Amino acid sequence: MSELLIDSSEIIFTIDKPMISFHVNPKSNKDNLIQSQIIKYSPISECKIKITNLISKPIALRVRTTKKKYYAVNPTYCIIFPNSNQLIHFLLYLKENYVNIDFSDHKFRFEGIVIDEEKSHLNPKNIFEEIIRNKIKVKGNIIKRKSEIIEDLNYNFINNNNINHNLTINFDNNNLSQSTKIDNFKSTNMNNFHQENNLNNNSRLENLKKEYNNLKNQLELLSQQYNNIKNVVENEKIKYSLKGDKKKIVFNLPEVKEQKVDSIIAFILCFVVFIFGFYLTK
């Protein structure tokens, strides 16, 4: 397998489960094996895990295993954006009874590396190939998880799994090359899920239609009010223009009249002031 040069000084992602666990019903396992032989590459169990990006930069992730003949993974490569998560779907394929298989050495390897923002739109497989080819040391983590079988009498993969019709899953690592196609699997739970989604979508669509009609009515009412006001203004303009010249509005200020002093009184006052000043100078 191609190895990465990893600086693991910082934890950049986490996995929500300590094991890759596959539930198998011992009673129905025989029927599942027969079904697996009838339909090529049909799985008998599944597991889903969640990978969470813990940092403020995007990370590229790839999932690897040496036991490729037993498993399929979707996706094997992906980009996980900051503070986001990615669901990884595992499928288990068996053509013999699980009790005859030693699962203790079945391991998955999760390799996550920090990438620049401008590379987040690139194919993650190409990002890994370029880094390995150029022997570039990158910041990242490698986390390993073991596979396990859990016997569950209530588990029925055929009836309860959520796999889409005609799902294709690929392994594209150097030592992993498997393309499997699952046909004719229609899940009751998935059908119910789609029906519920359709109901929710119809409900949202009806609400949007109602909101649109309300806004449309409000717009028509406002347009009508605007036209009414516009007509009133135009009518006032016409009435005003028919009156002829504009009237001038004049404000008259009150007149302030100066009070005149009698000349005789003024002469007497001047004489008195002169006499009084004369005596003061002696």
Protein backbone atom coordinates (compact mmCIF):
# COMPACT_ATOMS: atom_id res chain seq x y z
CA MET A 1 0.00 0.00 0.00
CA SER A 2 1.14 3.54 -0.70
CA GLU A 3 2.20 5.28 2.48
CA LEU A 4 1.85 8.92 3.45
CA LEU A 5 4.35 11.13 5.24
CA ILE A 6 2.17 12.27 8.12
CA ASP A 7 2.70 14.97 10.76
CA SER A 8 0.30 13.71 13.43
CA SER A 9 0.92 16.47 15.99
CA GLU A 10 -2.76 17.54 15.85
CA ILE A 11 -5.95 15.48 15.87
CA ILE A 12 -7.92 16.59 12.81
CA PHE A 13 -10.84 14.13 12.70
CA THR A 14 -12.74 11.62 14.83
CA ILE A 15 -14.76 8.44 14.22
CA ASP A 16 -18.00 7.97 16.12
CA LYS A 17 -17.65 4.19 16.63
CA PRO A 18 -14.84 2.11 18.18
CA MET A 19 -15.51 -0.86 15.84
CA ILE A 20 -16.92 -1.51 12.37
CA SER A 21 -19.76 -3.71 13.57
CA PHE A 22 -21.88 -5.93 11.33
CA HIS A 23 -25.07 -7.43 12.72
CA VAL A 24 -25.90 -10.92 11.52
CA ASN A 25 -28.96 -12.96 12.35
CA PRO A 26 -27.84 -16.61 12.89
CA LYS A 27 -31.26 -17.90 11.85
CA SER A 28 -31.36 -16.03 8.56
CA ASN A 29 -27.67 -16.26 7.76
CA LYS A 30 -28.17 -19.42 5.69
CA ASP A 31 -30.87 -17.72 3.61
CA ASN A 32 -28.61 -14.71 3.16
CA LEU A 33 -25.80 -16.89 1.87
CA ILE A 34 -28.14 -18.55 -0.63
CA GLN A 35 -29.32 -15.11 -1.74
CA SER A 36 -25.69 -14.01 -2.07
CA GLN A 37 -24.98 -16.92 -4.39
CA ILE A 38 -28.08 -16.20 -6.52
CA ILE A 39 -27.40 -12.47 -6.84
CA LYS A 40 -23.77 -11.71 -7.58
CA TYR A 41 -22.04 -9.52 -5.00
CA SER A 42 -25.10 -9.16 -2.79
CA PRO A 43 -24.28 -8.03 0.78
CA ILE A 44 -25.55 -9.71 3.93
CA SER A 45 -24.97 -6.90 6.45
CA GLU A 46 -24.00 -3.25 6.70
CA CYS A 47 -22.50 -0.66 9.03
CA LYS A 48 -22.45 3.13 8.96
CA ILE A 49 -19.99 5.40 10.73
CA LYS A 50 -19.59 9.17 10.90
CA ILE A 51 -16.28 10.99 10.35
CA THR A 52 -16.12 14.51 11.83
CA ASN A 53 -13.68 17.25 10.80
CA LEU A 54 -12.38 18.97 13.96
CA ILE A 55 -10.38 21.80 12.41
CA SER A 56 -11.03 25.03 10.51
CA LYS A 57 -9.60 23.71 7.23
CA PRO A 58 -10.95 21.05 4.84
CA ILE A 59 -9.51 17.55 5.03
CA ALA A 60 -9.21 14.79 2.45
CA LEU A 61 -10.04 11.28 3.66
CA ARG A 62 -9.51 7.81 2.26
CA VAL A 63 -10.53 4.41 3.67
CA ARG A 64 -8.45 1.29 3.07
CA THR A 65 -8.50 -2.41 3.94
CA THR A 66 -6.58 -5.51 2.93
CA LYS A 67 -9.71 -7.71 3.13
CA LYS A 68 -11.25 -6.34 -0.03
CA LYS A 69 -13.09 -9.55 -0.94
CA TYR A 70 -15.33 -9.20 2.13
CA TYR A 71 -16.15 -5.50 2.09
CA ALA A 72 -17.24 -2.54 0.03
CA VAL A 73 -17.07 1.06 1.20
CA ASN A 74 -18.81 4.18 -0.04
CA PRO A 75 -17.13 6.59 -0.34
CA THR A 76 -13.53 5.43 -0.24
CA TYR A 77 -12.31 8.99 -0.91
CA CYS A 78 -13.98 12.22 0.14
CA ILE A 79 -13.49 15.85 1.17
CA ILE A 80 -14.82 16.88 4.60
CA PHE A 81 -15.23 20.61 5.12
CA PRO A 82 -14.53 22.47 8.40
CA ASN A 83 -16.81 21.54 11.31
CA SER A 84 -18.69 19.09 9.08
CA ASN A 85 -19.02 15.33 8.94
CA GLN A 86 -19.18 12.53 6.38
CA LEU A 87 -21.16 9.31 6.61
CA ILE A 88 -19.23 6.20 5.47
CA HIS A 89 -21.26 3.15 4.43
CA PHE A 90 -19.74 -0.36 4.80
CA LEU A 91 -21.17 -3.54 3.28
CA LEU A 92 -20.22 -7.09 4.25
CA TYR A 93 -20.11 -9.85 1.59
CA LEU A 94 -19.89 -13.52 2.59
CA LYS A 95 -20.12 -16.72 0.56
CA GLU A 96 -19.57 -18.93 3.56
CA ASN A 97 -20.83 -19.01 7.11
CA TYR A 98 -19.37 -16.19 9.24
CA VAL A 99 -18.44 -18.64 12.04
CA ASN A 100 -15.78 -20.08 9.73
CA ILE A 101 -14.07 -16.70 9.27
CA ASP A 102 -11.56 -15.13 11.63
CA PHE A 103 -12.51 -11.45 11.81
CA SER A 104 -9.83 -10.55 14.36
CA ASP A 105 -7.38 -9.47 11.65
CA HIS A 106 -9.97 -7.60 9.56
CA LYS A 107 -9.01 -3.93 9.87
CA PHE A 108 -9.89 -0.63 8.23
CA ARG A 109 -7.46 2.25 7.93
CA PHE A 110 -8.78 5.84 7.87
CA GLU A 111 -6.28 8.38 6.55
CA GLY A 112 -7.12 12.06 6.87
CA ILE A 113 -4.91 14.93 5.70
CA VAL A 114 -5.26 18.72 5.85
CA ILE A 115 -5.62 20.42 2.47
CA ASP A 116 -5.74 24.04 1.33
CA GLU A 117 -9.08 25.71 0.66
CA GLU A 118 -8.36 26.07 -3.07
CA LYS A 119 -7.94 22.29 -3.38
CA SER A 120 -11.27 21.44 -1.79
CA HIS A 121 -12.98 21.22 -5.21
CA LEU A 122 -10.45 18.69 -6.57
CA ASN A 123 -10.86 14.92 -6.73
CA PRO A 124 -9.62 13.64 -3.33
CA LYS A 125 -8.07 10.56 -4.93
CA ASN A 126 -5.90 12.80 -7.14
CA ILE A 127 -4.87 14.82 -4.07
CA PHE A 128 -3.59 11.67 -2.32
CA GLU A 129 -1.81 10.43 -5.45
CA GLU A 130 -0.01 13.76 -5.93
CA ILE A 131 1.11 13.94 -2.29
CA ILE A 132 2.39 10.34 -2.31
CA ARG A 133 4.08 10.74 -5.70
CA ASN A 134 5.92 13.92 -4.64
CA LYS A 135 6.62 12.58 -1.13
CA ILE A 136 5.11 15.66 0.51
CA LYS A 137 4.80 15.61 4.29
CA VAL A 138 1.33 16.69 5.36
CA LYS A 139 -0.48 17.27 8.62
CA GLY A 140 -2.99 14.55 9.36
CA ASN A 141 -4.01 11.45 11.28
CA ILE A 142 -4.33 7.73 10.68
CA ILE A 143 -6.98 5.87 12.67
CA LYS A 144 -7.53 2.12 12.54
CA ARG A 145 -10.72 0.26 13.32
CA LYS A 146 -11.31 -3.49 13.56
CA SER A 147 -14.24 -5.33 12.07
CA GLU A 148 -16.55 -7.45 14.21
CA ILE A 149 -19.63 -9.66 13.82
CA ILE A 150 -22.53 -9.23 16.25
CA GLU A 151 -25.18 -11.91 16.37
CA ASP A 152 -28.59 -10.31 16.44
CA LEU A 153 -31.75 -12.42 16.29
CA ASN A 154 -33.85 -9.36 15.43
CA TYR A 155 -31.68 -8.28 12.52
CA ASN A 156 -32.85 -8.85 8.94
CA PHE A 157 -30.68 -7.15 6.37
CA ILE A 158 -32.89 -7.83 3.34
CA ASN A 159 -35.98 -6.21 4.84
CA ASN A 160 -34.41 -3.52 6.99
CA ASN A 161 -31.43 -2.18 5.10
CA ASN A 162 -31.47 1.24 3.49
CA ILE A 163 -29.62 0.50 0.23
CA ASN A 164 -30.76 2.15 -2.95
CA HIS A 165 -31.65 0.18 -6.05
CA ASN A 166 -28.66 -0.21 -8.46
CA LEU A 167 -26.13 1.22 -5.98
CA THR A 168 -22.52 1.02 -7.21
CA ILE A 169 -19.64 0.95 -4.73
CA ASN A 170 -15.97 1.18 -5.77
CA PHE A 171 -12.62 0.50 -4.14
CA ASP A 172 -9.89 2.50 -5.89
CA ASN A 173 -6.78 2.03 -3.69
CA ASN A 174 -3.61 0.46 -5.11
CA ASN A 175 -4.34 -2.96 -3.62
CA LEU A 176 -8.09 -2.48 -3.58
CA SER A 177 -9.90 -2.86 -6.88
CA GLN A 178 -13.50 -3.94 -6.65
CA SER A 179 -16.65 -2.72 -8.36
CA THR A 180 -19.90 -4.21 -7.12
CA LYS A 181 -23.46 -3.66 -8.20
CA ILE A 182 -26.46 -4.46 -6.05
CA ASP A 183 -29.64 -5.14 -7.98
CA ASN A 184 -33.26 -5.74 -7.08
CA PHE A 185 -33.00 -4.65 -3.44
CA LYS A 186 -35.91 -2.44 -2.44
CA SER A 187 -36.06 -1.53 1.18
CA THR A 188 -39.35 -1.07 3.00
CA ASN A 189 -37.76 1.46 5.31
CA MET A 190 -36.34 3.37 2.37
CA ASN A 191 -39.72 3.44 0.67
CA ASN A 192 -41.30 4.77 3.84
CA PHE A 193 -38.53 7.31 4.08
CA HIS A 194 -39.17 8.51 0.53
CA GLN A 195 -42.92 8.67 1.16
CA GLU A 196 -42.38 10.74 4.28
CA ASN A 197 -40.02 13.03 2.39
CA ASN A 198 -42.59 13.44 -0.36
CA LEU A 199 -45.25 14.37 2.18
CA ASN A 200 -42.93 16.88 3.80
CA ASN A 201 -42.01 18.33 0.42
CA ASN A 202 -45.67 18.63 -0.56
CA SER A 203 -46.45 20.36 2.72
CA ARG A 204 -43.60 22.82 2.25
CA LEU A 205 -44.71 23.44 -1.32
CA GLU A 206 -48.26 24.22 -0.19
CA ASN A 207 -46.94 26.64 2.44
CA LEU A 208 -44.80 28.37 -0.16
CA LYS A 209 -47.78 28.67 -2.49
CA LYS A 210 -49.88 30.24 0.28
CA GLU A 211 -47.12 32.68 1.15
CA TYR A 212 -46.71 33.57 -2.52
CA ASN A 213 -50.45 34.24 -2.92
CA ASN A 214 -50.50 36.40 0.22
CA LEU A 215 -47.55 38.45 -1.01
CA LYS A 216 -49.14 38.75 -4.44
CA ASN A 217 -52.39 40.07 -2.91
CA GLN A 218 -50.47 42.57 -0.80
CA LEU A 219 -48.60 43.76 -3.89
CA GLU A 220 -51.85 44.26 -5.81
CA LEU A 221 -53.37 46.19 -2.90
CA LEU A 222 -50.32 48.45 -2.63
CA SER A 223 -50.38 49.03 -6.40
CA GLN A 224 -54.03 50.03 -6.23
CA GLN A 225 -53.37 52.45 -3.35
CA TYR A 226 -50.46 53.94 -5.27
CA ASN A 227 -52.63 54.50 -8.36
CA ASN A 228 -55.34 56.15 -6.25
CA ILE A 229 -52.87 58.55 -4.67
CA LYS A 230 -51.33 59.28 -8.07
CA ASN A 231 -54.77 60.14 -9.51
CA VAL A 232 -55.54 62.50 -6.62
CA VAL A 233 -52.22 64.30 -7.12
CA GLU A 234 -52.80 64.65 -10.87
CA ASN A 235 -56.30 66.06 -10.29
CA GLU A 236 -54.95 68.64 -7.85
CA LYS A 237 -52.30 69.68 -10.36
CA ILE A 238 -54.98 70.21 -13.03
CA LYS A 239 -57.18 72.29 -10.70
CA TYR A 240 -54.23 74.43 -9.66
CA SER A 241 -53.12 75.08 -13.26
CA LEU A 242 -56.67 76.25 -14.22
CA LYS A 243 -56.59 79.12 -11.68
CA GLY A 244 -54.00 81.02 -13.72
CA ASP A 245 -51.08 82.86 -12.13
CA LYS A 246 -49.83 81.73 -8.84
CA LYS A 247 -50.93 83.89 -5.92
CA LYS A 248 -48.23 85.66 -4.03
CA ILE A 249 -48.40 85.49 -0.31
CA VAL A 250 -47.24 88.75 1.31
CA PHE A 251 -46.51 89.20 4.97
CA ASN A 252 -46.74 92.86 6.15
CA LEU A 253 -44.50 93.73 9.05
CA PRO A 254 -45.91 96.20 11.62
CA GLU A 255 -44.60 99.75 11.23
CA VAL A 256 -42.62 101.20 14.14
CA LYS A 257 -43.08 105.01 14.33
CA GLU A 258 -40.36 107.12 15.96
CA GLN A 259 -41.61 109.48 18.67
CA LYS A 260 -40.37 113.05 18.10
CA VAL A 261 -39.19 115.19 21.12
CA ASP A 262 -40.56 118.78 21.26
CA SER A 263 -37.81 121.37 20.51
CA ILE A 264 -38.75 123.66 23.46
CA ILE A 265 -38.47 120.87 25.93
CA ALA A 266 -35.13 119.92 24.46
CA PHE A 267 -33.85 123.52 24.80
CA ILE A 268 -34.92 123.73 28.42
CA LEU A 269 -33.19 120.47 29.24
CA CYS A 270 -29.98 121.64 27.59
CA PHE A 271 -30.08 124.94 29.54
CA VAL A 272 -30.62 123.17 32.85
CA VAL A 273 -27.70 120.84 32.15
CA PHE A 274 -25.47 123.82 31.26
CA ILE A 275 -26.30 125.71 34.48
CA PHE A 276 -25.75 122.62 36.58
CA GLY A 277 -22.39 122.00 34.96
CA PHE A 278 -21.35 125.61 35.45
CA TYR A 279 -21.91 125.45 39.20
CA LEU A 280 -20.05 122.18 39.44
CA THR A 281 -16.92 123.75 37.91
CA LYS A 282 -16.64 126.53 40.50
